[in-house]
PDB file of all heavy atoms in Angstrom:
ATOM      1  N   SER A   1       0.827  -1.199  -0.018  1.00  0.00           N
ATOM      2  CA  SER A   1       0.005   0.007   0.004  1.00  0.00           C
ATOM      3  C   SER A   1       0.866   1.270  -0.003  1.00  0.00           C
ATOM      4  O   SER A   1       0.646   2.188   0.779  1.00  0.00           O
ATOM      5  CB  SER A   1      -0.943  -0.011   1.227  1.00  0.00           C
ATOM      6  OG  SER A   1      -1.774  -1.160   1.227  1.00  0.00           O
ATOM      7  N   LEU A   2       1.817   1.269  -0.861  1.00  0.00           N
ATOM      8  CA  LEU A   2       2.765   2.402  -0.896  1.00  0.00           C
ATOM      9  C   LEU A   2       2.097   3.693  -1.272  1.00  0.00           C
ATOM     10  O   LEU A   2       1.127   3.739  -2.084  1.00  0.00           O
ATOM     11  CB  LEU A   2       3.906   2.091  -1.867  1.00  0.00           C
ATOM     12  CG  LEU A   2       4.942   1.098  -1.315  1.00  0.00           C
ATOM     13  CD1 LEU A   2       5.775   0.536  -2.437  1.00  0.00           C
ATOM     14  CD2 LEU A   2       5.850   1.809  -0.303  1.00  0.00           C
ATOM     15  N   LYS A   3       2.604   4.773  -0.689  1.00  0.00           N
ATOM     16  CA  LYS A   3       2.068   6.115  -0.894  1.00  0.00           C
ATOM     17  C   LYS A   3       3.171   7.011  -1.466  1.00  0.00           C
ATOM     18  O   LYS A   3       4.362   6.736  -1.234  1.00  0.00           O
ATOM     19  CB  LYS A   3       1.582   6.688   0.427  1.00  0.00           C
ATOM     20  CG  LYS A   3       0.541   5.838   1.134  1.00  0.00           C
ATOM     21  CD  LYS A   3       0.211   6.430   2.510  1.00  0.00           C
ATOM     22  CE  LYS A   3      -0.775   5.560   3.246  1.00  0.00           C
ATOM     23  NZ  LYS A   3      -1.122   6.141   4.581  1.00  0.00           N
ATOM     24  N   PRO A   4       2.805   8.073  -2.143  1.00  0.00           N
ATOM     25  CA  PRO A   4       3.868   8.987  -2.647  1.00  0.00           C
ATOM     26  C   PRO A   4       4.819   9.499  -1.533  1.00  0.00           C
ATOM     27  O   PRO A   4       6.010   9.691  -1.789  1.00  0.00           O
ATOM     28  CB  PRO A   4       3.060  10.136  -3.247  1.00  0.00           C
ATOM     29  CG  PRO A   4       1.812   9.449  -3.707  1.00  0.00           C
ATOM     30  CD  PRO A   4       1.506   8.458  -2.641  1.00  0.00           C
ATOM     31  N   GLU A   5       4.304   9.679  -0.354  1.00  0.00           N
ATOM     32  CA  GLU A   5       5.125  10.163   0.754  1.00  0.00           C
ATOM     33  C   GLU A   5       6.132   9.096   1.256  1.00  0.00           C
ATOM     34  O   GLU A   5       6.978   9.410   2.070  1.00  0.00           O
ATOM     35  CB  GLU A   5       4.254  10.641   1.940  1.00  0.00           C
ATOM     36  CG  GLU A   5       3.195   9.663   2.360  1.00  0.00           C
ATOM     37  CD  GLU A   5       1.828   9.961   1.771  1.00  0.00           C
ATOM     38  OE1 GLU A   5       1.779  10.260   0.542  1.00  0.00           O
ATOM     39  OE2 GLU A   5       0.828   9.869   2.490  1.00  0.00           O
ATOM     40  N   ASP A   6       6.052   7.880   0.711  1.00  0.00           N
ATOM     41  CA  ASP A   6       7.069   6.859   1.028  1.00  0.00           C
ATOM     42  C   ASP A   6       8.290   7.002   0.154  1.00  0.00           C
ATOM     43  O   ASP A   6       9.288   6.281   0.372  1.00  0.00           O
ATOM     44  CB  ASP A   6       6.501   5.455   0.853  1.00  0.00           C
ATOM     45  CG  ASP A   6       5.393   5.158   1.869  1.00  0.00           C
ATOM     46  OD1 ASP A   6       5.529   5.515   3.048  1.00  0.00           O
ATOM     47  OD2 ASP A   6       4.381   4.515   1.438  1.00  0.00           O
ATOM     48  N   THR A   7       8.232   7.886  -0.811  1.00  0.00           N
ATOM     49  CA  THR A   7       9.382   8.111  -1.695  1.00  0.00           C
ATOM     50  C   THR A   7      10.570   8.587  -0.919  1.00  0.00           C
ATOM     51  O   THR A   7      10.520   9.597  -0.183  1.00  0.00           O
ATOM     52  CB  THR A   7       9.004   9.139  -2.806  1.00  0.00           C
ATOM     53  OG1 THR A   7       7.969   8.580  -3.642  1.00  0.00           O
ATOM     54  CG2 THR A   7      10.211   9.465  -3.642  1.00  0.00           C
ATOM     55  N   ALA A   8      11.701   7.853  -1.056  1.00  0.00           N
ATOM     56  CA  ALA A   8      12.904   8.175  -0.321  1.00  0.00           C
ATOM     57  C   ALA A   8      13.994   7.163  -0.717  1.00  0.00           C
ATOM     58  O   ALA A   8      13.731   6.171  -1.390  1.00  0.00           O
ATOM     59  CB  ALA A   8      12.672   8.094   1.183  1.00  0.00           C
ATOM     60  N   VAL A   9      15.206   7.438  -0.245  1.00  0.00           N
ATOM     61  CA  VAL A   9      16.288   6.433  -0.253  1.00  0.00           C
ATOM     62  C   VAL A   9      16.181   5.653   1.033  1.00  0.00           C
ATOM     63  O   VAL A   9      16.167   6.249   2.132  1.00  0.00           O
ATOM     64  CB  VAL A   9      17.642   7.094  -0.416  1.00  0.00           C
ATOM     65  CG1 VAL A   9      18.746   5.998  -0.359  1.00  0.00           C
ATOM     66  CG2 VAL A   9      17.733   7.853  -1.714  1.00  0.00           C
ATOM     67  N   TYR A  10      16.095   4.319   0.925  1.00  0.00           N
ATOM     68  CA  TYR A  10      15.960   3.472   2.068  1.00  0.00           C
ATOM     69  C   TYR A  10      17.326   2.824   2.396  1.00  0.00           C
ATOM     70  O   TYR A  10      17.956   2.228   1.518  1.00  0.00           O
ATOM     71  CB  TYR A  10      14.903   2.400   1.811  1.00  0.00           C
ATOM     72  CG  TYR A  10      13.496   2.903   1.901  1.00  0.00           C
ATOM     73  CD1 TYR A  10      13.012   3.809   0.924  1.00  0.00           C
ATOM     74  CD2 TYR A  10      12.674   2.573   2.949  1.00  0.00           C
ATOM     75  CE1 TYR A  10      11.703   4.311   1.019  1.00  0.00           C
ATOM     76  CE2 TYR A  10      11.362   3.055   3.016  1.00  0.00           C
ATOM     77  CZ  TYR A  10      10.916   3.925   2.077  1.00  0.00           C
ATOM     78  OH  TYR A  10       9.649   4.437   2.162  1.00  0.00           O
ATOM     79  N   HIS A  11      17.697   2.925   3.678  1.00  0.00           N
ATOM     80  CA  HIS A  11      18.967   2.391   4.143  1.00  0.00           C
ATOM     81  C   HIS A  11      18.687   1.326   5.211  1.00  0.00           C
ATOM     82  O   HIS A  11      17.839   1.549   6.086  1.00  0.00           O
ATOM     83  CB  HIS A  11      19.815   3.465   4.769  1.00  0.00           C
ATOM     84  CG  HIS A  11      20.196   4.569   3.859  1.00  0.00           C
ATOM     85  ND1 HIS A  11      21.391   4.569   3.129  1.00  0.00           N
ATOM     86  CD2 HIS A  11      19.557   5.722   3.540  1.00  0.00           C
ATOM     87  CE1 HIS A  11      21.455   5.684   2.425  1.00  0.00           C
ATOM     88  NE2 HIS A  11      20.375   6.396   2.669  1.00  0.00           N
ATOM     89  N   CYS A  12      19.454   0.240   5.146  1.00  0.00           N
ATOM     90  CA  CYS A  12      19.414  -0.657   6.291  1.00  0.00           C
ATOM     91  C   CYS A  12      20.634  -0.393   7.169  1.00  0.00           C
ATOM     92  O   CYS A  12      21.621   0.178   6.708  1.00  0.00           O
ATOM     93  CB  CYS A  12      19.376  -2.126   5.855  1.00  0.00           C
ATOM     94  SG  CYS A  12      20.875  -2.744   5.053  1.00  0.00           S
ATOM     95  N   ALA A  13      20.478  -0.777   8.422  1.00  0.00           N
ATOM     96  CA  ALA A  13      21.569  -0.495   9.381  1.00  0.00           C
ATOM     97  C   ALA A  13      21.645  -1.657  10.391  1.00  0.00           C
ATOM     98  O   ALA A  13      20.624  -2.278  10.682  1.00  0.00           O
ATOM     99  CB  ALA A  13      21.290   0.823  10.099  1.00  0.00           C
ATOM    100  N   ALA A  14      22.850  -1.884  10.890  1.00  0.00           N
ATOM    101  CA  ALA A  14      23.071  -2.964  11.854  1.00  0.00           C
ATOM    102  C   ALA A  14      23.565  -2.389  13.185  1.00  0.00           C
ATOM    103  O   ALA A  14      24.397  -1.485  13.202  1.00  0.00           O
ATOM    104  CB  ALA A  14      24.094  -3.924  11.306  1.00  0.00           C
ATOM    105  N   ARG A  15      23.082  -2.940  14.258  1.00  0.00           N
ATOM    106  CA  ARG A  15      23.392  -2.457  15.577  1.00  0.00           C
ATOM    107  C   ARG A  15      23.782  -3.635  16.435  1.00  0.00           C
ATOM    108  O   ARG A  15      23.084  -4.656  16.438  1.00  0.00           O
ATOM    109  CB  ARG A  15      22.160  -1.726  16.177  1.00  0.00           C
ATOM    110  CG  ARG A  15      22.248  -1.461  17.639  1.00  0.00           C
ATOM    111  CD  ARG A  15      20.993  -0.686  18.073  1.00  0.00           C
ATOM    112  NE  ARG A  15      20.938  -0.542  19.500  1.00  0.00           N
ATOM    113  CZ  ARG A  15      20.075  -1.235  20.280  1.00  0.00           C
ATOM    114  NH1 ARG A  15      19.263  -2.090  19.743  1.00  0.00           N
ATOM    115  NH2 ARG A  15      20.090  -1.061  21.574  1.00  0.00           N
ATOM    116  N   ASN A  16      24.882  -3.475  17.121  1.00  0.00           N
ATOM    117  CA  ASN A  16      25.324  -4.575  18.014  1.00  0.00           C
ATOM    118  C   ASN A  16      24.741  -4.330  19.404  1.00  0.00           C
ATOM    119  O   ASN A  16      25.230  -3.543  20.182  1.00  0.00           O
ATOM    120  CB  ASN A  16      26.847  -4.575  18.091  1.00  0.00           C
ATOM    121  CG  ASN A  16      27.361  -5.884  18.650  1.00  0.00           C
ATOM    122  OD1 ASN A  16      26.612  -6.668  19.216  1.00  0.00           O
ATOM    123  ND2 ASN A  16      28.657  -6.116  18.529  1.00  0.00           N
ATOM    124  N   PRO A  17      23.606  -4.975  19.674  1.00  0.00           N
ATOM    125  CA  PRO A  17      22.885  -4.655  20.905  1.00  0.00           C
ATOM    126  C   PRO A  17      23.409  -5.394  22.122  1.00  0.00           C
ATOM    127  O   PRO A  17      24.053  -6.407  21.991  1.00  0.00           O
ATOM    128  CB  PRO A  17      21.455  -5.108  20.568  1.00  0.00           C
ATOM    129  CG  PRO A  17      21.668  -6.327  19.708  1.00  0.00           C
ATOM    130  CD  PRO A  17      22.925  -6.036  18.914  1.00  0.00           C
ATOM    131  N   GLY A  18      23.152  -4.857  23.273  1.00  0.00           N
ATOM    132  CA  GLY A  18      23.520  -5.529  24.486  1.00  0.00           C
ATOM    133  C   GLY A  18      22.600  -6.669  24.812  1.00  0.00           C
ATOM    134  O   GLY A  18      22.954  -7.650  25.438  1.00  0.00           O
ATOM    135  N   GLN A  19      21.319  -6.542  24.368  1.00  0.00           N
ATOM    136  CA  GLN A  19      20.312  -7.558  24.655  1.00  0.00           C
ATOM    137  C   GLN A  19      19.718  -8.071  23.361  1.00  0.00           C
ATOM    138  O   GLN A  19      19.492  -7.330  22.422  1.00  0.00           O
ATOM    139  CB  GLN A  19      19.227  -6.968  25.530  1.00  0.00           C
ATOM    140  CG  GLN A  19      19.706  -6.454  26.874  1.00  0.00           C
ATOM    141  CD  GLN A  19      18.584  -5.827  27.672  1.00  0.00           C
ATOM    142  OE1 GLN A  19      17.441  -5.809  27.235  1.00  0.00           O
ATOM    143  NE2 GLN A  19      18.888  -5.334  28.858  1.00  0.00           N
ATOM    144  N   ARG A  20      19.464  -9.355  23.299  1.00  0.00           N
ATOM    145  CA  ARG A  20      19.037  -9.994  22.052  1.00  0.00           C
ATOM    146  C   ARG A  20      17.599  -9.621  21.685  1.00  0.00           C
ATOM    147  O   ARG A  20      17.221  -9.803  20.557  1.00  0.00           O
ATOM    148  CB  ARG A  20      19.158 -11.486  22.158  1.00  0.00           C
ATOM    149  CG  ARG A  20      18.315 -12.148  23.208  1.00  0.00           C
ATOM    150  CD  ARG A  20      18.476 -13.665  23.198  1.00  0.00           C
ATOM    151  NE  ARG A  20      17.601 -14.318  24.158  1.00  0.00           N
ATOM    152  CZ  ARG A  20      17.408 -15.603  24.193  1.00  0.00           C
ATOM    153  NH1 ARG A  20      17.995 -16.406  23.340  1.00  0.00           N
ATOM    154  NH2 ARG A  20      16.594 -16.139  25.100  1.00  0.00           N
ATOM    155  N   LEU A  21      16.807  -9.097  22.609  1.00  0.00           N
ATOM    156  CA  LEU A  21      15.455  -8.725  22.298  1.00  0.00           C
ATOM    157  C   LEU A  21      15.307  -7.253  22.034  1.00  0.00           C
ATOM    158  O   LEU A  21      14.194  -6.738  21.790  1.00  0.00           O
ATOM    159  CB  LEU A  21      14.517  -9.081  23.470  1.00  0.00           C
ATOM    160  CG  LEU A  21      14.451 -10.571  23.816  1.00  0.00           C
ATOM    161  CD1 LEU A  21      13.519 -10.770  24.991  1.00  0.00           C
ATOM    162  CD2 LEU A  21      14.016 -11.406  22.606  1.00  0.00           C
ATOM    163  N   SER A  22      16.435  -6.520  21.998  1.00  0.00           N
ATOM    164  CA  SER A  22      16.407  -5.078  21.871  1.00  0.00           C
ATOM    165  C   SER A  22      16.226  -4.618  20.426  1.00  0.00           C
ATOM    166  O   SER A  22      16.708  -5.192  19.496  1.00  0.00           O
ATOM    167  CB  SER A  22      17.716  -4.517  22.417  1.00  0.00           C
ATOM    168  OG  SER A  22      17.800  -3.122  22.208  1.00  0.00           O
ATOM    169  N   THR A  23      15.467  -3.521  20.289  1.00  0.00           N
ATOM    170  CA  THR A  23      15.375  -2.812  19.025  1.00  0.00           C
ATOM    171  C   THR A  23      15.645  -1.326  19.316  1.00  0.00           C
ATOM    172  O   THR A  23      15.552  -0.909  20.439  1.00  0.00           O
ATOM    173  CB  THR A  23      13.989  -2.946  18.347  1.00  0.00           C
ATOM    174  OG1 THR A  23      13.000  -2.363  19.201  1.00  0.00           O
ATOM    175  CG2 THR A  23      13.639  -4.395  18.052  1.00  0.00           C
ATOM    176  N   SER A  24      15.898  -0.570  18.277  1.00  0.00           N
ATOM    177  CA  SER A  24      16.104   0.854  18.442  1.00  0.00           C
ATOM    178  C   SER A  24      15.591   1.629  17.236  1.00  0.00           C
ATOM    179  O   SER A  24      15.774   1.195  16.085  1.00  0.00           O
ATOM    180  CB  SER A  24      17.570   1.195  18.644  1.00  0.00           C
ATOM    181  OG  SER A  24      17.772   2.584  18.710  1.00  0.00           O
ATOM    182  N   ALA A  25      14.948   2.759  17.488  1.00  0.00           N
ATOM    183  CA  ALA A  25      14.495   3.670  16.463  1.00  0.00           C
ATOM    184  C   ALA A  25      15.437   4.837  16.272  1.00  0.00           C
ATOM    185  O   ALA A  25      15.157   5.762  15.494  1.00  0.00           O
ATOM    186  CB  ALA A  25      13.076   4.171  16.787  1.00  0.00           C
ATOM    187  N   LYS A  26      16.559   4.848  16.997  1.00  0.00           N
ATOM    188  CA  LYS A  26      17.517   5.936  16.946  1.00  0.00           C
ATOM    189  C   LYS A  26      18.675   5.627  16.043  1.00  0.00           C
ATOM    190  O   LYS A  26      19.390   4.643  16.213  1.00  0.00           O
ATOM    191  CB  LYS A  26      18.060   6.185  18.376  1.00  0.00           C
ATOM    192  CG  LYS A  26      16.976   6.416  19.415  1.00  0.00           C
ATOM    193  CD  LYS A  26      16.153   7.663  19.128  1.00  0.00           C
ATOM    194  CE  LYS A  26      15.156   7.917  20.256  1.00  0.00           C
ATOM    195  NZ  LYS A  26      14.288   9.078  19.939  1.00  0.00           N
ATOM    196  N   SER A  27      18.885   6.471  15.018  1.00  0.00           N
ATOM    197  CA  SER A  27      19.918   6.214  14.057  1.00  0.00           C
ATOM    198  C   SER A  27      21.292   6.180  14.686  1.00  0.00           C
ATOM    199  O   SER A  27      22.172   5.400  14.265  1.00  0.00           O
ATOM    200  CB  SER A  27      19.878   7.250  12.922  1.00  0.00           C
ATOM    201  OG  SER A  27      20.085   8.560  13.431  1.00  0.00           O
ATOM    202  N   TYR A  28      21.505   6.951  15.715  1.00  0.00           N
ATOM    203  CA  TYR A  28      22.844   6.990  16.347  1.00  0.00           C
ATOM    204  C   TYR A  28      23.173   5.700  17.094  1.00  0.00           C
ATOM    205  O   TYR A  28      24.314   5.500  17.500  1.00  0.00           O
ATOM    206  CB  TYR A  28      22.996   8.204  17.248  1.00  0.00           C
ATOM    207  CG  TYR A  28      21.942   8.381  18.326  1.00  0.00           C
ATOM    208  CD1 TYR A  28      21.900   7.530  19.439  1.00  0.00           C
ATOM    209  CD2 TYR A  28      20.998   9.386  18.257  1.00  0.00           C
ATOM    210  CE1 TYR A  28      20.950   7.695  20.420  1.00  0.00           C
ATOM    211  CE2 TYR A  28      20.025   9.545  19.224  1.00  0.00           C
ATOM    212  CZ  TYR A  28      20.008   8.704  20.306  1.00  0.00           C
ATOM    213  OH  TYR A  28      19.039   8.847  21.287  1.00  0.00           O
ATOM    214  N   ASP A  29      22.209   4.846  17.290  1.00  0.00           N
ATOM    215  CA  ASP A  29      22.468   3.560  17.945  1.00  0.00           C
ATOM    216  C   ASP A  29      23.094   2.507  16.985  1.00  0.00           C
ATOM    217  O   ASP A  29      23.563   1.497  17.407  1.00  0.00           O
ATOM    218  CB  ASP A  29      21.178   2.948  18.499  1.00  0.00           C
ATOM    219  CG  ASP A  29      20.799   3.550  19.852  1.00  0.00           C
ATOM    220  OD1 ASP A  29      21.691   4.070  20.531  1.00  0.00           O
ATOM    221  OD2 ASP A  29      19.627   3.472  20.219  1.00  0.00           O
ATOM    222  N   TYR A  30      23.030   2.834  15.684  1.00  0.00           N
ATOM    223  CA  TYR A  30      23.469   1.852  14.702  1.00  0.00           C
ATOM    224  C   TYR A  30      24.914   2.070  14.292  1.00  0.00           C
ATOM    225  O   TYR A  30      25.379   3.191  14.163  1.00  0.00           O
ATOM    226  CB  TYR A  30      22.545   1.880  13.474  1.00  0.00           C
ATOM    227  CG  TYR A  30      21.174   1.328  13.803  1.00  0.00           C
ATOM    228  CD1 TYR A  30      20.222   2.143  14.437  1.00  0.00           C
ATOM    229  CD2 TYR A  30      20.856   0.022  13.525  1.00  0.00           C
ATOM    230  CE1 TYR A  30      18.980   1.619  14.768  1.00  0.00           C
ATOM    231  CE2 TYR A  30      19.612  -0.516  13.847  1.00  0.00           C
ATOM    232  CZ  TYR A  30      18.707   0.287  14.472  1.00  0.00           C
ATOM    233  OH  TYR A  30      17.452  -0.209  14.790  1.00  0.00           O
ATOM    234  N   ASP A  31      25.616   0.932  14.089  1.00  0.00           N
ATOM    235  CA  ASP A  31      27.053   0.974  13.846  1.00  0.00           C
ATOM    236  C   ASP A  31      27.406   0.875  12.382  1.00  0.00           C
ATOM    237  O   ASP A  31      28.467   1.381  11.962  1.00  0.00           O
ATOM    238  CB  ASP A  31      27.691  -0.209  14.604  1.00  0.00           C
ATOM    239  CG  ASP A  31      27.379  -0.158  16.075  1.00  0.00           C
ATOM    240  OD1 ASP A  31      27.808   0.831  16.742  1.00  0.00           O
ATOM    241  OD2 ASP A  31      26.738  -1.088  16.604  1.00  0.00           O
ATOM    242  N   TYR A  32      26.585   0.211  11.585  1.00  0.00           N
ATOM    243  CA  TYR A  32      26.937  -0.037  10.184  1.00  0.00           C
ATOM    244  C   TYR A  32      25.705   0.327   9.301  1.00  0.00           C
ATOM    245  O   TYR A  32      24.582   0.033   9.677  1.00  0.00           O
ATOM    246  CB  TYR A  32      27.325  -1.500   9.949  1.00  0.00           C
ATOM    247  CG  TYR A  32      28.484  -1.927  10.820  1.00  0.00           C
ATOM    248  CD1 TYR A  32      28.247  -2.680  11.976  1.00  0.00           C
ATOM    249  CD2 TYR A  32      29.786  -1.572  10.524  1.00  0.00           C
ATOM    250  CE1 TYR A  32      29.292  -3.067  12.795  1.00  0.00           C
ATOM    251  CE2 TYR A  32      30.839  -1.964  11.332  1.00  0.00           C
ATOM    252  CZ  TYR A  32      30.579  -2.699  12.457  1.00  0.00           C
ATOM    253  OH  TYR A  32      31.629  -3.100  13.243  1.00  0.00           O
ATOM    254  N   TRP A  33      26.034   0.903   8.148  1.00  0.00           N
ATOM    255  CA  TRP A  33      24.968   1.361   7.234  1.00  0.00           C
ATOM    256  C   TRP A  33      25.263   0.907   5.835  1.00  0.00           C
ATOM    257  O   TRP A  33      26.415   0.856   5.388  1.00  0.00           O
ATOM    258  CB  TRP A  33      24.914   2.886   7.277  1.00  0.00           C
ATOM    259  CG  TRP A  33      24.387   3.429   8.565  1.00  0.00           C
ATOM    260  CD1 TRP A  33      25.141   3.625   9.695  1.00  0.00           C
ATOM    261  CD2 TRP A  33      23.071   3.823   8.903  1.00  0.00           C
ATOM    262  NE1 TRP A  33      24.354   4.111  10.692  1.00  0.00           N
ATOM    263  CE2 TRP A  33      23.075   4.243  10.233  1.00  0.00           C
ATOM    264  CE3 TRP A  33      21.891   3.873   8.168  1.00  0.00           C
ATOM    265  CZ2 TRP A  33      21.921   4.725  10.875  1.00  0.00           C
ATOM    266  CZ3 TRP A  33      20.717   4.306   8.797  1.00  0.00           C
ATOM    267  CH2 TRP A  33      20.770   4.734  10.128  1.00  0.00           C
ATOM    268  N   GLY A  34      24.178   0.643   5.099  1.00  0.00           N
ATOM    269  CA  GLY A  34      24.307   0.391   3.669  1.00  0.00           C
ATOM    270  C   GLY A  34      24.203   1.704   2.886  1.00  0.00           C
ATOM    271  O   GLY A  34      23.898   2.758   3.427  1.00  0.00           O
ATOM    272  N   GLN A  35      24.417   1.625   1.586  1.00  0.00           N
ATOM    273  CA  GLN A  35      24.438   2.790   0.726  1.00  0.00           C
ATOM    274  C   GLN A  35      23.017   3.240   0.372  1.00  0.00           C
ATOM    275  O   GLN A  35      22.848   4.415   0.011  1.00  0.00           O
ATOM    276  CB  GLN A  35      25.247   2.525  -0.566  1.00  0.00           C
ATOM    277  CG  GLN A  35      26.712   2.339  -0.311  1.00  0.00           C
ATOM    278  CD  GLN A  35      27.331   3.594   0.261  1.00  0.00           C
ATOM    279  OE1 GLN A  35      27.185   4.689  -0.247  1.00  0.00           O
ATOM    280  NE2 GLN A  35      28.061   3.440   1.370  1.00  0.00           N
ATOM    281  N   GLY A  36      22.076   2.361   0.470  1.00  0.00           N
ATOM    282  CA  GLY A  36      20.673   2.749   0.205  1.00  0.00           C
ATOM    283  C   GLY A  36      20.195   2.313  -1.133  1.00  0.00           C
ATOM    284  O   GLY A  36      20.926   2.046  -2.069  1.00  0.00           O
TER     285      GLY A  36
END
């Protein structure tokens, strides 16, 4: 159900978390990034 406002460059990122159930919405928490 994509919308025009979804238009963007999408990047994936990897974060080495302290806990295996952890997620983060903060970009500064992530250590590695793809080019998009």
